Amino acid sequence: MKPLASLAALSLLALTACQTPSPPAQVQVTTTIAPLPDTIERRVAELKLTLPAASRPGPTATITSVVVSGNLAFVSGHISRAADGKLITGRVGEELTVAQGKDAARQCGLAILASLRQELGTLDRVRRVVKVLGMVNCPPGFKDQPQVVNGFSELMLDVFGRERGLGARSAVGVASLPSNVAVEVEAVFEIVP
């Protein structure tokens, strides 16, 4: 009788081992971000930031500056332009210093804010920075790309605060950029739909 009981137990064990496991319970992760004391537009004014004219590709262009999908705004790469509209060109680490490259990245940030404002109607719809890709025109062996792209990131922290302005980021060196500009930055923002 004992062998029969063991056989039944073994069969039950084999049967349960072959069953498809039930899917794990759905886990919902939410992040709570404290409300801003003032609006983003008010913060831009307090910082005395002058945003450039928003870039708008022409009617025959094959890109757009900003694409909104659900609660995300995907911003195309914005190249470094000085306040007067002239391109900031040259390789950081050769023709430009790290400080000049950092300023070029900040100018990219101002241009991105201008494009967001134009697309969304107001910067107050921006909830947070999600992801940034900063590309630095630099020679082989240059290692200060993160310091250069900090020009963009520090501007976002100034405007949106630490909780909203700090996003995931990549800072990479490239052999060249369009029109030999020093920096190009693209970004993704969470927005209020």
N, C-alpha and C. Protein backbone atom coordinates (compact mmCIF):
# COMPACT_ATOMS: atom_id res chain seq x y z
N MET A 1 0.81 -1.19 0.00
CA MET A 1 0.00 0.00 0.00
C MET A 1 0.86 1.25 0.00
N LYS A 2 1.97 1.18 0.68
CA LYS A 2 2.83 2.36 0.73
C LYS A 2 3.32 2.77 -0.66
N PRO A 3 3.76 1.83 -1.53
CA PRO A 3 4.22 2.24 -2.85
C PRO A 3 3.13 2.95 -3.63
N LEU A 4 1.88 2.55 -3.47
CA LEU A 4 0.79 3.20 -4.19
C LEU A 4 0.61 4.64 -3.73
N ALA A 5 0.72 4.87 -2.42
CA ALA A 5 0.60 6.23 -1.89
C ALA A 5 1.74 7.10 -2.40
N SER A 6 2.95 6.54 -2.46
CA SER A 6 4.09 7.30 -2.97
C SER A 6 3.93 7.61 -4.44
N LEU A 7 3.37 6.67 -5.19
CA LEU A 7 3.13 6.89 -6.61
C LEU A 7 2.11 8.00 -6.81
N ALA A 8 1.07 8.02 -5.99
CA ALA A 8 0.05 9.06 -6.08
C ALA A 8 0.65 10.42 -5.75
N ALA A 9 1.49 10.47 -4.73
CA ALA A 9 2.13 11.73 -4.35
C ALA A 9 3.06 12.21 -5.45
N LEU A 10 3.80 11.27 -6.04
CA LEU A 10 4.71 11.61 -7.13
C LEU A 10 3.95 12.11 -8.35
N SER A 11 2.82 11.49 -8.66
CA SER A 11 1.99 11.92 -9.80
C SER A 11 1.45 13.33 -9.56
N LEU A 12 1.00 13.59 -8.35
CA LEU A 12 0.49 14.92 -8.01
C LEU A 12 1.59 15.96 -8.12
N LEU A 13 2.77 15.64 -7.67
CA LEU A 13 3.91 16.55 -7.76
C LEU A 13 4.26 16.83 -9.22
N ALA A 14 4.28 15.79 -10.05
CA ALA A 14 4.59 15.96 -11.47
C ALA A 14 3.52 16.80 -12.15
N LEU A 15 2.26 16.58 -11.80
CA LEU A 15 1.16 17.33 -12.40
C LEU A 15 1.26 18.82 -12.06
N THR A 16 1.55 19.15 -10.82
CA THR A 16 1.65 20.56 -10.44
C THR A 16 2.88 21.21 -11.03
N ALA A 17 3.95 20.45 -11.22
CA ALA A 17 5.17 21.01 -11.80
C ALA A 17 4.99 21.34 -13.27
N CYS A 18 4.10 20.62 -13.95
CA CYS A 18 3.89 20.83 -15.39
C CYS A 18 2.85 21.91 -15.67
N GLN A 19 2.13 22.32 -14.68
CA GLN A 19 1.10 23.34 -14.90
C GLN A 19 1.75 24.68 -15.18
N THR A 20 1.09 25.46 -16.02
CA THR A 20 1.57 26.80 -16.32
C THR A 20 1.40 27.66 -15.08
N PRO A 21 2.46 28.31 -14.65
CA PRO A 21 2.32 29.14 -13.45
C PRO A 21 1.38 30.31 -13.73
N SER A 22 0.66 30.70 -12.72
CA SER A 22 -0.22 31.84 -12.90
C SER A 22 0.63 33.10 -13.02
N PRO A 23 0.17 34.06 -13.83
CA PRO A 23 0.97 35.26 -14.04
C PRO A 23 1.13 36.03 -12.73
N PRO A 24 2.25 36.73 -12.60
CA PRO A 24 2.45 37.51 -11.38
C PRO A 24 1.42 38.63 -11.29
N ALA A 25 1.10 38.99 -10.09
CA ALA A 25 0.16 40.09 -9.90
C ALA A 25 0.72 41.36 -10.51
N GLN A 26 -0.15 42.15 -11.10
CA GLN A 26 0.28 43.41 -11.70
C GLN A 26 0.71 44.37 -10.59
N VAL A 27 1.86 44.96 -10.77
CA VAL A 27 2.38 45.91 -9.80
C VAL A 27 2.34 47.28 -10.45
N GLN A 28 1.72 48.20 -9.80
CA GLN A 28 1.67 49.55 -10.34
C GLN A 28 2.63 50.42 -9.54
N VAL A 29 3.54 51.05 -10.26
CA VAL A 29 4.52 51.92 -9.63
C VAL A 29 4.12 53.36 -9.93
N THR A 30 3.98 54.13 -8.92
CA THR A 30 3.66 55.54 -9.12
C THR A 30 4.68 56.38 -8.37
N THR A 31 4.95 57.51 -8.94
CA THR A 31 5.88 58.44 -8.30
C THR A 31 5.08 59.67 -7.94
N THR A 32 5.27 60.14 -6.76
CA THR A 32 4.60 61.36 -6.36
C THR A 32 5.62 62.48 -6.38
N ILE A 33 5.29 63.50 -7.15
CA ILE A 33 6.16 64.66 -7.23
C ILE A 33 5.43 65.81 -6.55
N ALA A 34 6.10 66.43 -5.63
CA ALA A 34 5.50 67.54 -4.89
C ALA A 34 5.12 68.66 -5.85
N PRO A 35 4.01 69.34 -5.58
CA PRO A 35 3.62 70.44 -6.46
C PRO A 35 4.62 71.58 -6.40
N LEU A 36 4.78 72.25 -7.52
CA LEU A 36 5.67 73.41 -7.55
C LEU A 36 5.02 74.58 -6.83
N PRO A 37 5.80 75.37 -6.12
CA PRO A 37 5.22 76.52 -5.44
C PRO A 37 4.69 77.55 -6.43
N ASP A 38 5.31 77.68 -7.57
CA ASP A 38 4.89 78.63 -8.59
C ASP A 38 4.87 77.92 -9.93
N THR A 39 4.38 78.62 -10.92
CA THR A 39 4.34 78.02 -12.24
C THR A 39 5.72 78.04 -12.89
N ILE A 40 5.88 77.19 -13.88
CA ILE A 40 7.15 77.15 -14.62
C ILE A 40 7.34 78.46 -15.37
N GLU A 41 6.29 78.98 -15.96
CA GLU A 41 6.40 80.26 -16.68
C GLU A 41 6.86 81.37 -15.74
N ARG A 42 6.35 81.37 -14.52
CA ARG A 42 6.77 82.38 -13.54
C ARG A 42 8.25 82.17 -13.20
N ARG A 43 8.66 80.91 -13.09
CA ARG A 43 10.06 80.61 -12.78
C ARG A 43 10.98 81.09 -13.90
N VAL A 44 10.59 80.88 -15.15
CA VAL A 44 11.38 81.37 -16.29
C VAL A 44 11.54 82.88 -16.20
N ALA A 45 10.46 83.58 -15.85
CA ALA A 45 10.53 85.05 -15.70
C ALA A 45 11.43 85.45 -14.54
N GLU A 46 11.31 84.75 -13.40
CA GLU A 46 12.16 85.06 -12.24
C GLU A 46 13.64 84.88 -12.56
N LEU A 47 13.95 83.87 -13.35
CA LEU A 47 15.34 83.62 -13.74
C LEU A 47 15.82 84.57 -14.83
N LYS A 48 14.89 85.41 -15.33
CA LYS A 48 15.19 86.37 -16.40
C LYS A 48 15.77 85.67 -17.64
N LEU A 49 15.17 84.52 -17.96
CA LEU A 49 15.61 83.78 -19.14
C LEU A 49 14.94 84.35 -20.38
N THR A 50 15.72 84.53 -21.41
CA THR A 50 15.17 84.96 -22.69
C THR A 50 15.21 83.76 -23.62
N LEU A 51 14.03 83.28 -23.98
CA LEU A 51 13.97 82.14 -24.88
C LEU A 51 14.06 82.64 -26.32
N PRO A 52 14.80 81.94 -27.16
CA PRO A 52 14.91 82.35 -28.57
C PRO A 52 13.60 82.05 -29.29
N ALA A 53 13.50 82.52 -30.52
CA ALA A 53 12.35 82.16 -31.34
C ALA A 53 12.37 80.64 -31.51
N ALA A 54 11.22 80.02 -31.38
CA ALA A 54 11.15 78.56 -31.50
C ALA A 54 11.48 78.14 -32.92
N SER A 55 12.26 77.08 -33.04
CA SER A 55 12.58 76.58 -34.38
C SER A 55 11.37 75.84 -34.92
N ARG A 56 11.06 76.11 -36.14
CA ARG A 56 9.92 75.48 -36.81
C ARG A 56 10.40 75.03 -38.17
N PRO A 57 10.55 73.71 -38.37
CA PRO A 57 10.97 73.26 -39.70
C PRO A 57 9.98 73.72 -40.77
N GLY A 58 10.49 73.98 -41.95
CA GLY A 58 9.65 74.46 -43.05
C GLY A 58 8.65 73.40 -43.51
N PRO A 59 7.73 73.80 -44.40
CA PRO A 59 6.66 72.90 -44.84
C PRO A 59 7.17 71.67 -45.60
N THR A 60 8.36 71.73 -46.16
CA THR A 60 8.89 70.57 -46.89
C THR A 60 9.85 69.74 -46.03
N ALA A 61 10.02 70.12 -44.78
CA ALA A 61 10.94 69.40 -43.89
C ALA A 61 10.46 67.98 -43.63
N THR A 62 11.40 67.12 -43.33
CA THR A 62 11.06 65.72 -43.05
C THR A 62 11.03 65.43 -41.55
N ILE A 63 11.07 66.48 -40.73
CA ILE A 63 10.98 66.33 -39.27
C ILE A 63 10.07 67.41 -38.71
N THR A 64 9.77 67.28 -37.44
CA THR A 64 9.08 68.33 -36.70
C THR A 64 9.87 68.54 -35.40
N SER A 65 9.72 69.71 -34.80
CA SER A 65 10.49 70.02 -33.59
C SER A 65 10.04 69.23 -32.38
N VAL A 66 8.72 69.04 -32.25
CA VAL A 66 8.15 68.36 -31.08
C VAL A 66 7.03 67.44 -31.54
N VAL A 67 7.01 66.23 -31.02
CA VAL A 67 5.89 65.31 -31.24
C VAL A 67 5.32 64.97 -29.88
N VAL A 68 4.01 65.19 -29.72
CA VAL A 68 3.33 64.84 -28.48
C VAL A 68 2.60 63.53 -28.70
N SER A 69 2.83 62.57 -27.81
CA SER A 69 2.15 61.29 -27.86
C SER A 69 1.71 60.95 -26.45
N GLY A 70 0.42 61.01 -26.21
CA GLY A 70 -0.09 60.77 -24.86
C GLY A 70 0.43 61.81 -23.90
N ASN A 71 1.12 61.36 -22.86
CA ASN A 71 1.64 62.30 -21.87
C ASN A 71 3.15 62.53 -22.03
N LEU A 72 3.67 62.29 -23.25
CA LEU A 72 5.08 62.53 -23.51
C LEU A 72 5.27 63.50 -24.66
N ALA A 73 6.25 64.37 -24.53
CA ALA A 73 6.65 65.27 -25.62
C ALA A 73 8.07 64.89 -26.01
N PHE A 74 8.23 64.47 -27.25
CA PHE A 74 9.54 64.09 -27.79
C PHE A 74 10.08 65.28 -28.57
N VAL A 75 11.21 65.80 -28.14
CA VAL A 75 11.78 67.00 -28.75
C VAL A 75 12.97 66.60 -29.62
N SER A 76 12.91 66.98 -30.90
CA SER A 76 14.00 66.70 -31.83
C SER A 76 15.27 67.39 -31.37
N GLY A 77 16.39 66.95 -31.91
CA GLY A 77 17.66 67.56 -31.59
C GLY A 77 17.67 69.04 -31.91
N HIS A 78 18.09 69.85 -30.95
CA HIS A 78 18.25 71.30 -31.13
C HIS A 78 19.74 71.59 -31.08
N ILE A 79 20.20 72.34 -32.07
CA ILE A 79 21.63 72.63 -32.17
C ILE A 79 21.98 73.92 -31.46
N SER A 80 23.26 74.07 -31.17
CA SER A 80 23.72 75.23 -30.39
C SER A 80 23.74 76.50 -31.22
N ARG A 81 22.96 77.48 -30.74
CA ARG A 81 22.91 78.83 -31.33
C ARG A 81 23.09 79.85 -30.22
N ALA A 82 23.84 80.88 -30.51
CA ALA A 82 24.02 81.97 -29.54
C ALA A 82 22.73 82.78 -29.46
N ALA A 83 22.65 83.66 -28.48
CA ALA A 83 21.46 84.49 -28.29
C ALA A 83 21.14 85.32 -29.54
N ASP A 84 22.16 85.68 -30.32
CA ASP A 84 21.93 86.46 -31.54
C ASP A 84 21.51 85.59 -32.73
N GLY A 85 21.37 84.29 -32.51
CA GLY A 85 20.93 83.39 -33.57
C GLY A 85 22.05 82.72 -34.35
N LYS A 86 23.28 83.19 -34.16
CA LYS A 86 24.41 82.59 -34.88
C LYS A 86 24.72 81.22 -34.30
N LEU A 87 25.13 80.32 -35.19
CA LEU A 87 25.50 78.98 -34.74
C LEU A 87 26.76 79.03 -33.88
N ILE A 88 26.78 78.22 -32.83
CA ILE A 88 28.00 78.05 -32.03
C ILE A 88 28.68 76.81 -32.61
N THR A 89 29.77 77.04 -33.31
CA THR A 89 30.43 75.96 -34.05
C THR A 89 31.81 75.65 -33.48
N GLY A 90 32.31 74.50 -33.86
CA GLY A 90 33.66 74.09 -33.48
C GLY A 90 33.64 72.86 -32.60
N ARG A 91 34.79 72.24 -32.52
CA ARG A 91 34.93 71.04 -31.70
C ARG A 91 35.34 71.44 -30.28
N VAL A 92 34.57 70.94 -29.31
CA VAL A 92 34.89 71.20 -27.91
C VAL A 92 36.15 70.39 -27.58
N GLY A 93 37.13 71.08 -27.01
CA GLY A 93 38.41 70.44 -26.73
C GLY A 93 39.46 70.79 -27.77
N GLU A 94 39.05 71.46 -28.84
CA GLU A 94 39.98 71.98 -29.85
C GLU A 94 39.71 73.47 -30.03
N GLU A 95 38.69 73.81 -30.82
CA GLU A 95 38.38 75.23 -31.04
C GLU A 95 37.64 75.87 -29.86
N LEU A 96 36.94 75.06 -29.08
CA LEU A 96 36.15 75.58 -27.96
C LEU A 96 36.60 74.92 -26.65
N THR A 97 36.49 75.69 -25.56
CA THR A 97 36.79 75.15 -24.23
C THR A 97 35.58 74.38 -23.71
N VAL A 98 35.77 73.65 -22.63
CA VAL A 98 34.66 72.95 -21.98
C VAL A 98 33.61 73.97 -21.53
N ALA A 99 34.04 75.10 -20.99
CA ALA A 99 33.10 76.15 -20.54
C ALA A 99 32.28 76.67 -21.71
N GLN A 100 32.91 76.88 -22.86
CA GLN A 100 32.16 77.34 -24.04
C GLN A 100 31.20 76.25 -24.53
N GLY A 101 31.62 75.00 -24.45
CA GLY A 101 30.73 73.89 -24.81
C GLY A 101 29.54 73.80 -23.87
N LYS A 102 29.80 74.03 -22.59
CA LYS A 102 28.73 74.00 -21.59
C LYS A 102 27.71 75.10 -21.88
N ASP A 103 28.18 76.29 -22.26
CA ASP A 103 27.27 77.37 -22.63
C ASP A 103 26.48 77.00 -23.88
N ALA A 104 27.13 76.34 -24.83
CA ALA A 104 26.43 75.90 -26.05
C ALA A 104 25.30 74.93 -25.69
N ALA A 105 25.54 74.03 -24.74
CA ALA A 105 24.51 73.09 -24.30
C ALA A 105 23.37 73.82 -23.61
N ARG A 106 23.69 74.85 -22.85
CA ARG A 106 22.65 75.67 -22.21
C ARG A 106 21.78 76.34 -23.27
N GLN A 107 22.42 76.85 -24.32
CA GLN A 107 21.66 77.49 -25.41
C GLN A 107 20.72 76.48 -26.08
N CYS A 108 21.17 75.24 -26.21
CA CYS A 108 20.28 74.18 -26.73
C CYS A 108 19.06 74.04 -25.82
N GLY A 109 19.29 74.10 -24.52
CA GLY A 109 18.20 74.00 -23.55
C GLY A 109 17.19 75.12 -23.69
N LEU A 110 17.67 76.34 -23.88
CA LEU A 110 16.76 77.48 -24.07
C LEU A 110 15.93 77.28 -25.33
N ALA A 111 16.56 76.78 -26.39
CA ALA A 111 15.85 76.54 -27.65
C ALA A 111 14.79 75.44 -27.48
N ILE A 112 15.12 74.41 -26.72
CA ILE A 112 14.16 73.34 -26.47
C ILE A 112 12.98 73.86 -25.66
N LEU A 113 13.23 74.69 -24.66
CA LEU A 113 12.12 75.29 -23.90
C LEU A 113 11.23 76.13 -24.81
N ALA A 114 11.83 76.87 -25.74
CA ALA A 114 11.05 77.69 -26.68
C ALA A 114 10.17 76.80 -27.55
N SER A 115 10.71 75.70 -28.03
CA SER A 115 9.93 74.79 -28.87
C SER A 115 8.80 74.13 -28.08
N LEU A 116 9.08 73.75 -26.84
CA LEU A 116 8.04 73.18 -25.98
C LEU A 116 6.92 74.19 -25.75
N ARG A 117 7.29 75.42 -25.44
CA ARG A 117 6.28 76.46 -25.20
C ARG A 117 5.41 76.65 -26.44
N GLN A 118 6.05 76.69 -27.61
CA GLN A 118 5.28 76.88 -28.84
C GLN A 118 4.33 75.71 -29.08
N GLU A 119 4.79 74.50 -28.86
CA GLU A 119 3.96 73.31 -29.11
C GLU A 119 2.85 73.14 -28.08
N LEU A 120 3.17 73.38 -26.81
CA LEU A 120 2.23 73.12 -25.72
C LEU A 120 1.38 74.32 -25.34
N GLY A 121 1.79 75.51 -25.78
CA GLY A 121 1.07 76.73 -25.41
C GLY A 121 1.61 77.36 -24.13
N THR A 122 2.16 76.55 -23.24
CA THR A 122 2.74 77.03 -21.99
C THR A 122 3.68 75.96 -21.43
N LEU A 123 4.73 76.40 -20.78
CA LEU A 123 5.65 75.46 -20.13
C LEU A 123 5.05 74.87 -18.86
N ASP A 124 3.94 75.43 -18.39
CA ASP A 124 3.29 74.92 -17.19
C ASP A 124 2.73 73.51 -17.40
N ARG A 125 2.62 73.06 -18.64
CA ARG A 125 2.16 71.70 -18.92
C ARG A 125 3.26 70.65 -18.76
N VAL A 126 4.50 71.09 -18.58
CA VAL A 126 5.61 70.14 -18.43
C VAL A 126 5.64 69.63 -17.00
N ARG A 127 5.56 68.31 -16.85
CA ARG A 127 5.63 67.70 -15.52
C ARG A 127 7.07 67.41 -15.11
N ARG A 128 7.88 66.90 -16.07
CA ARG A 128 9.25 66.57 -15.72
C ARG A 128 10.08 66.25 -16.95
N VAL A 129 11.40 66.32 -16.77
CA VAL A 129 12.34 65.83 -17.77
C VAL A 129 12.39 64.31 -17.61
N VAL A 130 12.28 63.58 -18.72
CA VAL A 130 12.34 62.12 -18.66
C VAL A 130 13.69 61.61 -19.13
N LYS A 131 14.12 62.02 -20.32
CA LYS A 131 15.36 61.48 -20.92
C LYS A 131 16.01 62.54 -21.79
N VAL A 132 17.32 62.63 -21.70
CA VAL A 132 18.10 63.61 -22.47
C VAL A 132 19.24 62.88 -23.18
N LEU A 133 19.47 63.26 -24.43
CA LEU A 133 20.65 62.80 -25.16
C LEU A 133 21.40 64.04 -25.60
N GLY A 134 22.61 64.22 -25.05
CA GLY A 134 23.46 65.34 -25.42
C GLY A 134 24.62 64.84 -26.26
N MET A 135 24.79 65.43 -27.44
CA MET A 135 25.87 65.04 -28.36
C MET A 135 26.86 66.19 -28.47
N VAL A 136 28.12 65.89 -28.22
CA VAL A 136 29.17 66.91 -28.19
C VAL A 136 30.13 66.65 -29.35
N ASN A 137 30.33 67.66 -30.19
CA ASN A 137 31.29 67.61 -31.29
C ASN A 137 32.68 67.74 -30.66
N CYS A 138 33.47 66.67 -30.70
CA CYS A 138 34.75 66.69 -30.00
C CYS A 138 35.76 65.76 -30.67
N PRO A 139 37.04 65.96 -30.39
CA PRO A 139 38.07 65.09 -30.97
C PRO A 139 38.14 63.75 -30.24
N PRO A 140 38.76 62.76 -30.88
CA PRO A 140 38.96 61.47 -30.20
C PRO A 140 39.75 61.69 -28.90
N GLY A 141 39.40 60.94 -27.89
CA GLY A 141 40.10 61.06 -26.61
C GLY A 141 39.51 62.09 -25.67
N PHE A 142 38.59 62.94 -26.14
CA PHE A 142 37.95 63.93 -25.28
C PHE A 142 37.06 63.19 -24.28
N LYS A 143 37.14 63.57 -23.02
CA LYS A 143 36.42 62.82 -21.98
C LYS A 143 35.46 63.67 -21.15
N ASP A 144 35.27 64.92 -21.51
CA ASP A 144 34.47 65.81 -20.67
C ASP A 144 33.06 66.05 -21.20
N GLN A 145 32.52 65.12 -21.97
CA GLN A 145 31.16 65.28 -22.48
C GLN A 145 30.14 65.51 -21.36
N PRO A 146 30.22 64.77 -20.23
CA PRO A 146 29.25 65.02 -19.17
C PRO A 146 29.27 66.46 -18.65
N GLN A 147 30.47 67.05 -18.50
CA GLN A 147 30.54 68.44 -18.02
C GLN A 147 29.91 69.39 -19.04
N VAL A 148 30.11 69.11 -20.32
CA VAL A 148 29.52 69.96 -21.37
C VAL A 148 28.00 69.89 -21.30
N VAL A 149 27.45 68.68 -21.27
CA VAL A 149 25.99 68.50 -21.28
C VAL A 149 25.37 68.98 -19.97
N ASN A 150 26.18 69.14 -18.92
CA ASN A 150 25.67 69.74 -17.68
C ASN A 150 25.10 71.13 -17.93
N GLY A 151 25.56 71.82 -18.96
CA GLY A 151 24.99 73.13 -19.29
C GLY A 151 23.50 73.04 -19.54
N PHE A 152 23.07 71.99 -20.22
CA PHE A 152 21.64 71.74 -20.44
C PHE A 152 20.98 71.31 -19.14
N SER A 153 21.56 70.31 -18.48
CA SER A 153 20.94 69.74 -17.28
C SER A 153 20.79 70.76 -16.15
N GLU A 154 21.78 71.61 -15.97
CA GLU A 154 21.70 72.63 -14.92
C GLU A 154 20.59 73.63 -15.21
N LEU A 155 20.38 73.95 -16.49
CA LEU A 155 19.27 74.84 -16.85
C LEU A 155 17.94 74.18 -16.50
N MET A 156 17.79 72.90 -16.80
CA MET A 156 16.54 72.20 -16.48
C MET A 156 16.31 72.17 -14.97
N LEU A 157 17.37 71.98 -14.19
CA LEU A 157 17.24 72.00 -12.73
C LEU A 157 16.82 73.39 -12.25
N ASP A 158 17.39 74.44 -12.84
CA ASP A 158 17.01 75.81 -12.47
C ASP A 158 15.54 76.07 -12.76
N VAL A 159 15.08 75.61 -13.90
CA VAL A 159 13.71 75.91 -14.35
C VAL A 159 12.68 75.02 -13.65
N PHE A 160 12.93 73.72 -13.58
CA PHE A 160 11.92 72.78 -13.10
C PHE A 160 12.13 72.30 -11.67
N GLY A 161 13.28 72.61 -11.07
CA GLY A 161 13.57 72.09 -9.74
C GLY A 161 14.16 70.69 -9.85
N ARG A 162 14.70 70.21 -8.74
CA ARG A 162 15.42 68.93 -8.76
C ARG A 162 14.52 67.74 -9.10
N GLU A 163 13.35 67.64 -8.49
CA GLU A 163 12.48 66.49 -8.73
C GLU A 163 12.01 66.41 -10.17
N ARG A 164 11.72 67.57 -10.78
CA ARG A 164 11.19 67.58 -12.14
C ARG A 164 12.27 67.76 -13.20
N GLY A 165 13.36 68.39 -12.84
CA GLY A 165 14.38 68.72 -13.83
C GLY A 165 15.45 67.67 -14.02
N LEU A 166 15.49 66.69 -13.12
CA LEU A 166 16.51 65.64 -13.19
C LEU A 166 15.93 64.44 -13.93
N GLY A 167 16.51 64.11 -15.08
CA GLY A 167 16.04 62.97 -15.86
C GLY A 167 17.19 62.04 -16.17
N ALA A 168 16.87 60.93 -16.80
CA ALA A 168 17.91 60.03 -17.29
C ALA A 168 18.65 60.77 -18.40
N ARG A 169 19.96 60.50 -18.55
CA ARG A 169 20.74 61.28 -19.53
C ARG A 169 21.88 60.47 -20.10
N SER A 170 22.16 60.73 -21.36
CA SER A 170 23.36 60.21 -22.02
C SER A 170 24.11 61.40 -22.57
N ALA A 171 25.42 61.42 -22.39
CA ALA A 171 26.28 62.47 -22.94
C ALA A 171 27.35 61.77 -23.76
N VAL A 172 27.32 61.98 -25.06
CA VAL A 172 28.24 61.25 -25.94
C VAL A 172 29.06 62.21 -26.79
N GLY A 173 30.24 61.77 -27.16
CA GLY A 173 31.08 62.52 -28.08
C GLY A 173 30.86 62.00 -29.49
N VAL A 174 30.81 62.91 -30.45
CA VAL A 174 30.63 62.53 -31.85
C VAL A 174 31.70 63.20 -32.70
N ALA A 175 31.98 62.61 -33.86
CA ALA A 175 33.03 63.12 -34.75
C ALA A 175 32.61 64.42 -35.42
N SER A 176 31.32 64.60 -35.65
CA SER A 176 30.83 65.85 -36.24
C SER A 176 29.34 65.96 -36.00
N LEU A 177 28.84 67.18 -36.12
CA LEU A 177 27.42 67.48 -36.00
C LEU A 177 27.03 68.37 -37.17
N PRO A 178 25.73 68.50 -37.48
CA PRO A 178 25.30 69.34 -38.60
C PRO A 178 25.89 70.75 -38.51
N SER A 179 26.35 71.26 -39.63
CA SER A 179 26.92 72.62 -39.72
C SER A 179 28.09 72.83 -38.77
N ASN A 180 28.72 71.75 -38.33
CA ASN A 180 29.86 71.81 -37.41
C ASN A 180 29.51 72.46 -36.07
N VAL A 181 28.23 72.37 -35.65
CA VAL A 181 27.85 72.95 -34.35
C VAL A 181 28.55 72.19 -33.23
N ALA A 182 28.68 72.87 -32.10
CA ALA A 182 29.40 72.29 -30.96
C ALA A 182 28.59 71.24 -30.22
N VAL A 183 27.28 71.47 -30.09
CA VAL A 183 26.43 70.59 -29.28
C VAL A 183 25.06 70.46 -29.93
N GLU A 184 24.47 69.29 -29.78
CA GLU A 184 23.07 69.05 -30.15
C GLU A 184 22.44 68.27 -29.01
N VAL A 185 21.22 68.67 -28.62
CA VAL A 185 20.53 68.00 -27.52
C VAL A 185 19.11 67.65 -27.96
N GLU A 186 18.70 66.44 -27.67
CA GLU A 186 17.30 66.03 -27.84
C GLU A 186 16.79 65.55 -26.50
N ALA A 187 15.47 65.61 -26.28
CA ALA A 187 14.94 65.27 -24.96
C ALA A 187 13.51 64.77 -25.04
N VAL A 188 13.12 64.08 -23.98
CA VAL A 188 11.74 63.62 -23.80
C VAL A 188 11.25 64.20 -22.48
N PHE A 189 10.03 64.75 -22.50
CA PHE A 189 9.43 65.35 -21.31
C PHE A 189 8.08 64.70 -21.04
N GLU A 190 7.76 64.50 -19.76
CA GLU A 190 6.40 64.11 -19.40
C GLU A 190 5.59 65.39 -19.31
N ILE A 191 4.38 65.36 -19.86
CA ILE A 191 3.54 66.56 -19.87
C ILE A 191 2.14 66.25 -19.35
N VAL A 192 1.40 67.30 -19.06
CA VAL A 192 -0.02 67.19 -18.77
C VAL A 192 -0.71 67.16 -20.13
N PRO A 193 -1.41 66.05 -20.45
CA PRO A 193 -2.02 65.95 -21.80
C PRO A 193 -3.09 67.02 -22.03
